[in-house]
Amino acid sequence: MKCGTIVPRQNEIVGERSDGYLAECVLERNHLGPHEFNTPEGERYGWEDDTTCNCCNGELDDPCYVFWKIK
């Protein structure tokens, strides 16, 4: 079963979309480490919570996070 955790503010990573795409983690449920998602265009990204940045409100519904493109 896949993790399914939805990336916060996906438009900051993949831009605005009108196709209904929802970026969610494709790794196994209860995996260790960062989350990962794949776009319909074949791009791969990783992300994880960032509890040290103090750059956003950090609330559960809008957590701070860092992301990167996986090559």
Protein backbone atom coordinates (compact mmCIF):
# COMPACT_ATOMS: atom_id res chain seq x y z
CA MET A 1 0.00 0.00 0.00
CA LYS A 2 1.38 3.44 -0.88
CA CYS A 3 2.04 6.25 1.56
CA GLY A 4 -0.29 8.75 -0.13
CA THR A 5 0.79 11.77 1.95
CA ILE A 6 -0.02 14.88 -0.09
CA VAL A 7 2.77 17.42 -0.65
CA PRO A 8 2.04 20.83 0.92
CA ARG A 9 1.49 23.71 -1.54
CA GLN A 10 2.23 21.58 -4.62
CA ASN A 11 1.94 24.64 -6.89
CA GLU A 12 5.24 25.91 -5.40
CA ILE A 13 6.96 22.81 -6.78
CA VAL A 14 5.18 21.91 -10.03
CA GLY A 15 3.31 25.14 -10.77
CA GLU A 16 -0.39 25.76 -11.23
CA ARG A 17 -2.18 22.88 -12.94
CA SER A 18 -5.67 22.56 -14.36
CA ASP A 19 -5.64 18.81 -14.98
CA GLY A 20 -6.63 17.75 -11.45
CA TYR A 21 -3.20 16.23 -10.68
CA LEU A 22 -2.56 15.76 -6.96
CA ALA A 23 1.06 15.25 -5.85
CA GLU A 24 1.13 12.49 -3.25
CA CYS A 25 3.86 10.22 -1.93
CA VAL A 26 4.30 7.03 -3.96
CA LEU A 27 6.54 5.23 -1.46
CA GLU A 28 5.32 2.44 0.82
CA ARG A 29 3.16 3.32 3.80
CA ASN A 30 5.27 3.89 6.96
CA HIS A 31 8.48 4.38 4.93
CA LEU A 32 11.54 5.93 6.56
CA GLY A 33 12.91 9.21 5.28
CA PRO A 34 11.60 11.82 2.85
CA HIS A 35 8.47 11.51 0.73
CA GLU A 36 8.61 11.18 -3.05
CA PHE A 37 6.20 11.90 -5.90
CA ASN A 38 6.19 11.63 -9.67
CA THR A 39 4.47 14.07 -12.04
CA PRO A 40 2.51 12.90 -15.09
CA GLU A 41 5.37 14.35 -17.17
CA GLY A 42 7.82 11.91 -15.56
CA GLU A 43 9.60 14.31 -13.19
CA ARG A 44 10.45 13.01 -9.70
CA TYR A 45 10.62 15.09 -6.54
CA GLY A 46 11.42 14.45 -2.90
CA TRP A 47 10.18 16.44 0.08
CA GLU A 48 10.21 16.37 3.85
CA ASP A 49 9.02 18.51 6.74
CA ASP A 50 11.35 21.30 7.84
CA THR A 51 10.87 22.10 11.51
CA THR A 52 13.80 24.56 11.69
CA CYS A 53 13.14 27.09 8.92
CA ASN A 54 10.83 29.54 10.75
CA CYS A 55 9.74 30.70 7.26
CA CYS A 56 6.07 29.69 7.34
CA ASN A 57 3.38 29.19 9.92
CA GLY A 58 4.31 25.54 10.58
CA GLU A 59 0.73 24.53 11.29
CA LEU A 60 -0.37 20.96 10.62
CA ASP A 61 -2.52 22.06 7.68
CA ASP A 62 0.30 24.19 6.17
CA PRO A 63 3.64 22.72 7.30
CA CYS A 64 7.11 24.02 6.45
CA TYR A 65 8.94 21.70 4.06
CA VAL A 66 11.96 21.41 1.78
CA PHE A 67 11.92 19.79 -1.66
CA TRP A 68 14.31 18.78 -4.41
CA LYS A 69 14.22 17.29 -7.90
CA ILE A 70 15.38 13.68 -8.19
CA LYS A 71 17.46 12.92 -11.27
